[in-house]
N, C-alpha and C. Protein backbone atom coordinates (compact mmCIF):
# COMPACT_ATOMS: atom_id res chain seq x y z
N UNK A 1 -14.90 8.33 0.69
CA UNK A 1 -13.82 7.50 0.18
C UNK A 1 -13.51 6.40 1.21
N UNK A 2 -13.44 5.17 0.74
CA UNK A 2 -13.09 4.02 1.56
C UNK A 2 -11.86 3.36 0.99
N UNK A 3 -11.07 2.77 1.86
CA UNK A 3 -9.93 1.98 1.42
C UNK A 3 -10.18 0.55 1.86
N UNK A 4 -10.13 -0.37 0.90
CA UNK A 4 -10.32 -1.78 1.17
C UNK A 4 -8.99 -2.48 0.94
N UNK A 5 -8.49 -3.14 1.99
CA UNK A 5 -7.22 -3.86 1.88
C UNK A 5 -7.52 -5.34 1.69
N UNK A 6 -6.97 -5.90 0.64
CA UNK A 6 -7.11 -7.34 0.37
C UNK A 6 -5.72 -7.97 0.52
N UNK A 7 -5.71 -9.27 0.78
CA UNK A 7 -4.41 -9.92 0.92
C UNK A 7 -4.44 -11.33 0.34
N UNK A 8 -3.26 -11.84 0.11
CA UNK A 8 -3.06 -13.17 -0.45
C UNK A 8 -2.41 -14.11 0.57
N UNK A 9 -2.55 -13.81 1.84
CA UNK A 9 -1.83 -14.58 2.86
C UNK A 9 -2.23 -16.05 2.85
N UNK A 10 -3.52 -16.32 2.81
CA UNK A 10 -3.96 -17.71 2.84
C UNK A 10 -3.36 -18.49 1.67
N UNK A 11 -3.44 -17.92 0.47
CA UNK A 11 -2.87 -18.59 -0.71
C UNK A 11 -1.37 -18.80 -0.54
N UNK A 12 -0.67 -17.77 -0.07
CA UNK A 12 0.77 -17.87 0.10
C UNK A 12 1.14 -18.91 1.16
N UNK A 13 0.37 -18.99 2.22
CA UNK A 13 0.65 -20.00 3.25
C UNK A 13 0.57 -21.40 2.65
N UNK A 14 -0.48 -21.64 1.86
CA UNK A 14 -0.65 -22.97 1.29
C UNK A 14 0.38 -23.27 0.21
N UNK A 15 0.84 -22.26 -0.49
CA UNK A 15 1.89 -22.46 -1.48
C UNK A 15 3.25 -22.67 -0.84
N UNK A 16 3.35 -22.38 0.45
CA UNK A 16 4.60 -22.56 1.19
C UNK A 16 4.43 -23.71 2.18
N UNK A 17 4.28 -24.90 1.63
CA UNK A 17 4.17 -26.13 2.43
C UNK A 17 3.04 -26.08 3.45
N UNK A 18 1.92 -25.47 3.06
CA UNK A 18 0.74 -25.37 3.93
C UNK A 18 1.11 -24.83 5.31
N UNK A 19 1.87 -23.74 5.30
CA UNK A 19 2.28 -23.08 6.53
C UNK A 19 1.05 -22.73 7.36
N UNK A 20 1.13 -22.99 8.64
CA UNK A 20 0.01 -22.66 9.53
C UNK A 20 0.03 -21.17 9.88
N UNK A 21 -1.10 -20.69 10.34
CA UNK A 21 -1.15 -19.31 10.84
C UNK A 21 -0.19 -19.15 12.00
N UNK A 22 -0.10 -20.16 12.84
CA UNK A 22 0.79 -20.10 14.01
C UNK A 22 2.25 -19.95 13.57
N UNK A 23 2.66 -20.71 12.55
CA UNK A 23 4.05 -20.63 12.06
C UNK A 23 4.32 -19.27 11.43
N UNK A 24 3.39 -18.78 10.62
CA UNK A 24 3.58 -17.46 10.03
C UNK A 24 3.68 -16.40 11.12
N UNK A 25 2.83 -16.49 12.11
CA UNK A 25 2.85 -15.53 13.22
C UNK A 25 4.20 -15.57 13.95
N UNK A 26 4.69 -16.77 14.21
CA UNK A 26 5.99 -16.91 14.90
C UNK A 26 7.09 -16.25 14.09
N UNK A 27 7.09 -16.51 12.78
CA UNK A 27 8.15 -15.98 11.93
C UNK A 27 8.03 -14.48 11.69
N UNK A 28 6.80 -13.95 11.75
CA UNK A 28 6.57 -12.52 11.53
C UNK A 28 6.60 -11.73 12.84
N UNK A 29 6.61 -12.42 13.97
CA UNK A 29 6.69 -11.73 15.26
C UNK A 29 5.37 -11.16 15.74
N UNK A 30 4.28 -11.90 15.52
CA UNK A 30 2.98 -11.45 16.01
C UNK A 30 2.22 -12.67 16.53
N UNK A 31 0.94 -12.52 16.81
CA UNK A 31 0.15 -13.64 17.30
C UNK A 31 -0.61 -14.31 16.16
N UNK A 32 -1.02 -15.55 16.42
CA UNK A 32 -1.84 -16.27 15.45
C UNK A 32 -3.15 -15.54 15.23
N UNK A 33 -3.70 -14.95 16.28
CA UNK A 33 -4.95 -14.22 16.18
C UNK A 33 -4.80 -13.02 15.25
N UNK A 34 -3.65 -12.38 15.28
CA UNK A 34 -3.39 -11.25 14.38
C UNK A 34 -3.39 -11.72 12.93
N UNK A 35 -2.73 -12.83 12.66
CA UNK A 35 -2.70 -13.36 11.29
C UNK A 35 -4.11 -13.71 10.86
N UNK A 36 -4.88 -14.34 11.72
CA UNK A 36 -6.27 -14.68 11.40
C UNK A 36 -7.07 -13.43 11.05
N UNK A 37 -6.94 -12.39 11.85
CA UNK A 37 -7.68 -11.14 11.62
C UNK A 37 -7.26 -10.47 10.32
N UNK A 38 -5.99 -10.51 10.00
CA UNK A 38 -5.50 -9.92 8.74
C UNK A 38 -6.06 -10.72 7.56
N UNK A 39 -5.97 -12.05 7.62
CA UNK A 39 -6.49 -12.89 6.54
C UNK A 39 -7.98 -12.64 6.31
N UNK A 40 -8.72 -12.44 7.39
CA UNK A 40 -10.17 -12.23 7.30
C UNK A 40 -10.52 -10.79 6.96
N UNK A 41 -9.52 -9.96 6.72
CA UNK A 41 -9.71 -8.54 6.40
C UNK A 41 -10.46 -7.79 7.50
N UNK A 42 -10.23 -8.22 8.74
CA UNK A 42 -10.82 -7.53 9.88
C UNK A 42 -9.83 -6.61 10.57
N UNK A 43 -8.57 -6.67 10.13
CA UNK A 43 -7.50 -5.87 10.72
C UNK A 43 -6.49 -5.52 9.64
N UNK A 44 -6.11 -4.28 9.58
CA UNK A 44 -5.08 -3.84 8.66
C UNK A 44 -3.75 -3.80 9.40
N UNK A 45 -2.75 -4.53 8.92
CA UNK A 45 -1.47 -4.58 9.63
C UNK A 45 -0.70 -3.27 9.51
N UNK A 46 0.20 -3.06 10.46
CA UNK A 46 1.11 -1.93 10.35
C UNK A 46 2.01 -2.17 9.15
N UNK A 47 2.63 -1.13 8.68
CA UNK A 47 3.56 -1.27 7.56
C UNK A 47 4.69 -2.22 7.94
N UNK A 48 5.17 -2.10 9.16
CA UNK A 48 6.26 -2.98 9.62
C UNK A 48 5.84 -4.45 9.57
N UNK A 49 4.65 -4.76 10.07
CA UNK A 49 4.19 -6.14 10.05
C UNK A 49 3.95 -6.62 8.62
N UNK A 50 3.39 -5.78 7.80
CA UNK A 50 3.15 -6.14 6.40
C UNK A 50 4.48 -6.49 5.71
N UNK A 51 5.52 -5.71 6.00
CA UNK A 51 6.83 -5.97 5.42
C UNK A 51 7.41 -7.28 5.94
N UNK A 52 7.22 -7.56 7.23
CA UNK A 52 7.72 -8.81 7.80
C UNK A 52 7.02 -10.01 7.18
N UNK A 53 5.71 -9.92 6.97
CA UNK A 53 4.96 -11.01 6.36
C UNK A 53 5.47 -11.26 4.94
N UNK A 54 5.65 -10.20 4.17
CA UNK A 54 6.17 -10.35 2.81
C UNK A 54 7.56 -10.99 2.84
N UNK A 55 8.37 -10.59 3.79
CA UNK A 55 9.72 -11.15 3.91
C UNK A 55 9.68 -12.64 4.22
N UNK A 56 8.76 -13.06 5.08
CA UNK A 56 8.63 -14.49 5.39
C UNK A 56 8.39 -15.29 4.10
N UNK A 57 7.56 -14.77 3.22
CA UNK A 57 7.24 -15.46 1.98
C UNK A 57 8.27 -15.21 0.87
N UNK A 58 9.16 -14.25 1.08
CA UNK A 58 10.17 -13.95 0.08
C UNK A 58 9.61 -13.27 -1.15
N UNK A 59 8.57 -12.44 -0.94
CA UNK A 59 7.93 -11.74 -2.06
C UNK A 59 7.84 -10.25 -1.74
N UNK A 60 7.49 -9.47 -2.75
CA UNK A 60 7.28 -8.04 -2.55
C UNK A 60 5.98 -7.81 -1.77
N UNK A 61 5.93 -6.72 -1.07
CA UNK A 61 4.76 -6.42 -0.24
C UNK A 61 3.48 -6.34 -1.07
N UNK A 62 3.56 -5.86 -2.30
CA UNK A 62 2.35 -5.77 -3.12
C UNK A 62 1.95 -7.12 -3.71
N UNK A 63 2.75 -8.15 -3.51
CA UNK A 63 2.33 -9.51 -3.85
C UNK A 63 1.49 -10.11 -2.72
N UNK A 64 1.56 -9.51 -1.55
CA UNK A 64 0.80 -9.98 -0.39
C UNK A 64 -0.45 -9.12 -0.19
N UNK A 65 -0.28 -7.80 -0.27
CA UNK A 65 -1.38 -6.87 0.03
C UNK A 65 -1.70 -6.01 -1.18
N UNK A 66 -3.00 -5.82 -1.40
CA UNK A 66 -3.48 -4.91 -2.44
C UNK A 66 -4.56 -4.05 -1.79
N UNK A 67 -4.73 -2.85 -2.30
CA UNK A 67 -5.82 -2.04 -1.78
C UNK A 67 -6.57 -1.37 -2.90
N UNK A 68 -7.82 -1.07 -2.60
CA UNK A 68 -8.68 -0.35 -3.53
C UNK A 68 -9.23 0.86 -2.80
N UNK A 69 -9.30 1.96 -3.52
CA UNK A 69 -9.96 3.15 -3.00
C UNK A 69 -11.32 3.18 -3.66
N UNK A 70 -12.36 3.16 -2.84
CA UNK A 70 -13.72 3.14 -3.37
C UNK A 70 -14.41 4.47 -3.10
N UNK A 71 -15.16 4.88 -4.06
CA UNK A 71 -15.96 6.09 -3.93
C UNK A 71 -17.30 5.79 -4.56
N UNK A 72 -18.30 5.59 -3.76
CA UNK A 72 -19.60 5.21 -4.29
C UNK A 72 -19.53 3.81 -4.85
N UNK A 73 -19.98 3.63 -6.09
CA UNK A 73 -20.01 2.31 -6.72
C UNK A 73 -18.73 1.99 -7.46
N UNK A 74 -17.79 2.93 -7.54
CA UNK A 74 -16.56 2.70 -8.28
C UNK A 74 -15.44 2.24 -7.37
N UNK A 75 -14.54 1.45 -7.92
CA UNK A 75 -13.34 1.02 -7.21
C UNK A 75 -12.15 1.21 -8.14
N UNK A 76 -11.07 1.73 -7.58
CA UNK A 76 -9.84 1.91 -8.35
C UNK A 76 -8.77 1.01 -7.78
N UNK A 77 -8.28 0.03 -8.53
CA UNK A 77 -7.17 -0.78 -8.03
C UNK A 77 -5.92 0.08 -7.85
N UNK A 78 -5.16 -0.21 -6.83
CA UNK A 78 -3.97 0.60 -6.54
C UNK A 78 -2.75 0.12 -7.30
N UNK A 79 -2.79 -1.08 -7.84
CA UNK A 79 -1.60 -1.62 -8.50
C UNK A 79 -1.37 -0.95 -9.83
N UNK A 80 -0.13 -0.71 -10.11
CA UNK A 80 0.25 -0.12 -11.38
C UNK A 80 0.19 -1.18 -12.47
N UNK A 81 -0.16 -0.80 -13.66
CA UNK A 81 -0.12 -1.73 -14.79
C UNK A 81 1.30 -1.89 -15.24
N UNK A 82 1.73 -3.15 -15.50
CA UNK A 82 3.13 -3.37 -15.92
C UNK A 82 3.42 -2.82 -17.28
């Protein structure tokens, strides 16, 4: 079983006056390198940091981060159907 975390940070930054990684990092209390690594899916943020990032954008955490649990060739989206 694998967990793949995807995010919408890049899209959200551009929808918010083309916010830079540096500005998001400053507002979320981390480094620009951390934001870069999260955007590139090379680093999974702590729950606290994920919540801070969502707060910066004024959205729910699941509007920023989504995850899939994969088992073999199958993937199950974690989001609930409305």
